[in-house]
């Protein structure tokens, strides 16, 4: 059975632990650079959820590897930073999933 691992900041970690998933805490962006890449190459990991702001530190080569891999599935967790539109987040997820940019309008 594959593991579900969450990479997040220390403030959000307890909530994920209460949900029963493995949590890796990244105190800063440099620590995230060290934690995330090895997870992609582990055989026992099925899903990796990463805070969107921590995922932003990955280089283009690693992001390309993430886009091409089928396991583990990498899921970005929306950032708690104000100013990030939920609509644009959903649009980015749809574009990644189906390969087309769909604009959501009201």
Protein backbone atom coordinates (compact mmCIF):
# COMPACT_ATOMS: atom_id res chain seq x y z
CA UNK A 1 0.00 0.00 0.00
CA UNK A 2 1.29 3.44 -0.92
CA UNK A 3 1.71 6.30 1.54
CA UNK A 4 0.04 9.70 1.49
CA UNK A 5 2.61 12.33 2.48
CA UNK A 6 2.05 16.04 3.10
CA UNK A 7 4.84 18.63 2.93
CA UNK A 8 3.80 21.82 4.66
CA UNK A 9 4.82 24.56 7.08
CA UNK A 10 5.00 23.89 10.84
CA UNK A 11 1.76 25.83 11.50
CA UNK A 12 -0.35 23.60 9.22
CA UNK A 13 1.32 20.29 10.12
CA UNK A 14 -0.74 19.40 13.23
CA UNK A 15 -4.01 19.49 11.29
CA UNK A 16 -2.71 17.04 8.72
CA UNK A 17 -1.33 14.79 11.46
CA UNK A 18 -4.80 14.70 13.04
CA UNK A 19 -6.09 13.46 9.68
CA UNK A 20 -3.68 10.53 9.95
CA UNK A 21 -1.25 11.26 7.12
CA UNK A 22 2.55 11.36 7.21
CA UNK A 23 3.71 14.96 7.48
CA UNK A 24 7.08 16.46 6.64
CA UNK A 25 7.60 20.00 7.89
CA UNK A 26 9.60 22.55 5.92
CA UNK A 27 10.46 25.52 8.11
CA UNK A 28 11.66 27.56 5.14
CA UNK A 29 12.02 27.41 1.36
CA UNK A 30 15.56 26.00 1.48
CA UNK A 31 14.39 23.09 3.59
CA UNK A 32 11.57 22.45 1.11
CA UNK A 33 14.15 22.14 -1.69
CA UNK A 34 15.76 19.30 0.27
CA UNK A 35 12.55 17.51 1.27
CA UNK A 36 10.44 17.43 -1.91
CA UNK A 37 12.72 15.93 -4.63
CA UNK A 38 13.53 12.66 -2.80
CA UNK A 39 9.80 12.01 -2.30
CA UNK A 40 9.28 11.85 -6.04
CA UNK A 41 11.68 8.92 -6.36
CA UNK A 42 10.45 6.85 -3.39
CA UNK A 43 8.71 3.57 -4.22
CA UNK A 44 6.43 3.59 -1.18
CA UNK A 45 4.78 6.98 -1.84
CA UNK A 46 1.54 7.22 -3.82
CA UNK A 47 0.36 10.78 -3.18
CA UNK A 48 2.37 13.82 -2.12
CA UNK A 49 0.48 16.98 -1.19
CA UNK A 50 2.73 20.05 -1.11
CA UNK A 51 1.94 23.59 -0.02
CA UNK A 52 1.81 25.70 -3.15
CA UNK A 53 4.23 28.29 -1.79
CA UNK A 54 6.78 25.56 -0.98
CA UNK A 55 6.37 24.01 -4.42
CA UNK A 56 7.29 27.34 -6.03
CA UNK A 57 10.96 26.86 -5.07
CA UNK A 58 11.40 23.83 -7.32
CA UNK A 59 13.38 24.34 -10.50
CA UNK A 60 11.98 23.81 -14.01
CA UNK A 61 13.64 20.41 -14.41
CA UNK A 62 11.97 19.08 -11.25
CA UNK A 63 8.59 20.55 -12.23
CA UNK A 64 8.88 18.82 -15.62
CA UNK A 65 9.61 15.53 -13.84
CA UNK A 66 6.54 16.06 -11.64
CA UNK A 67 4.35 16.73 -14.68
CA UNK A 68 5.51 13.56 -16.43
CA UNK A 69 5.38 11.13 -13.52
CA UNK A 70 2.30 9.04 -12.84
CA UNK A 71 3.33 7.97 -9.35
CA UNK A 72 3.51 9.57 -6.94
CA UNK A 73 0.75 11.99 -7.74
CA UNK A 74 1.81 15.49 -6.66
CA UNK A 75 -1.06 17.67 -5.42
CA UNK A 76 -0.47 21.35 -4.69
CA UNK A 77 -2.25 22.62 -1.58
CA UNK A 78 -3.51 26.20 -2.02
CA UNK A 79 -1.55 28.80 -0.12
CA UNK A 80 -3.13 30.69 2.77
CA UNK A 81 -1.64 33.93 1.47
CA UNK A 82 -4.33 36.49 0.72
CA UNK A 83 -4.67 37.68 -2.84
CA UNK A 84 -4.59 34.25 -4.49
CA UNK A 85 -7.83 33.73 -6.36
CA UNK A 86 -9.55 30.38 -5.89
CA UNK A 87 -10.83 30.64 -9.45
CA UNK A 88 -7.31 30.94 -10.86
CA UNK A 89 -6.22 27.99 -8.71
CA UNK A 90 -9.00 25.82 -10.14
CA UNK A 91 -8.10 26.97 -13.66
CA UNK A 92 -4.45 25.92 -13.12
CA UNK A 93 -5.54 22.50 -11.84
CA UNK A 94 -7.81 21.99 -14.85
CA UNK A 95 -5.07 23.02 -17.26
CA UNK A 96 -2.64 20.58 -15.68
CA UNK A 97 -5.20 17.76 -15.70
CA UNK A 98 -6.53 18.10 -19.25
CA UNK A 99 -3.87 20.15 -21.01
CA UNK A 100 -6.12 23.07 -21.91
CA UNK A 101 -6.63 26.43 -20.26
CA UNK A 102 -10.29 26.77 -19.33
CA UNK A 103 -11.41 30.19 -18.14
CA UNK A 104 -14.11 30.21 -15.49
CA UNK A 105 -16.50 33.16 -15.75
CA UNK A 106 -19.51 34.14 -13.72
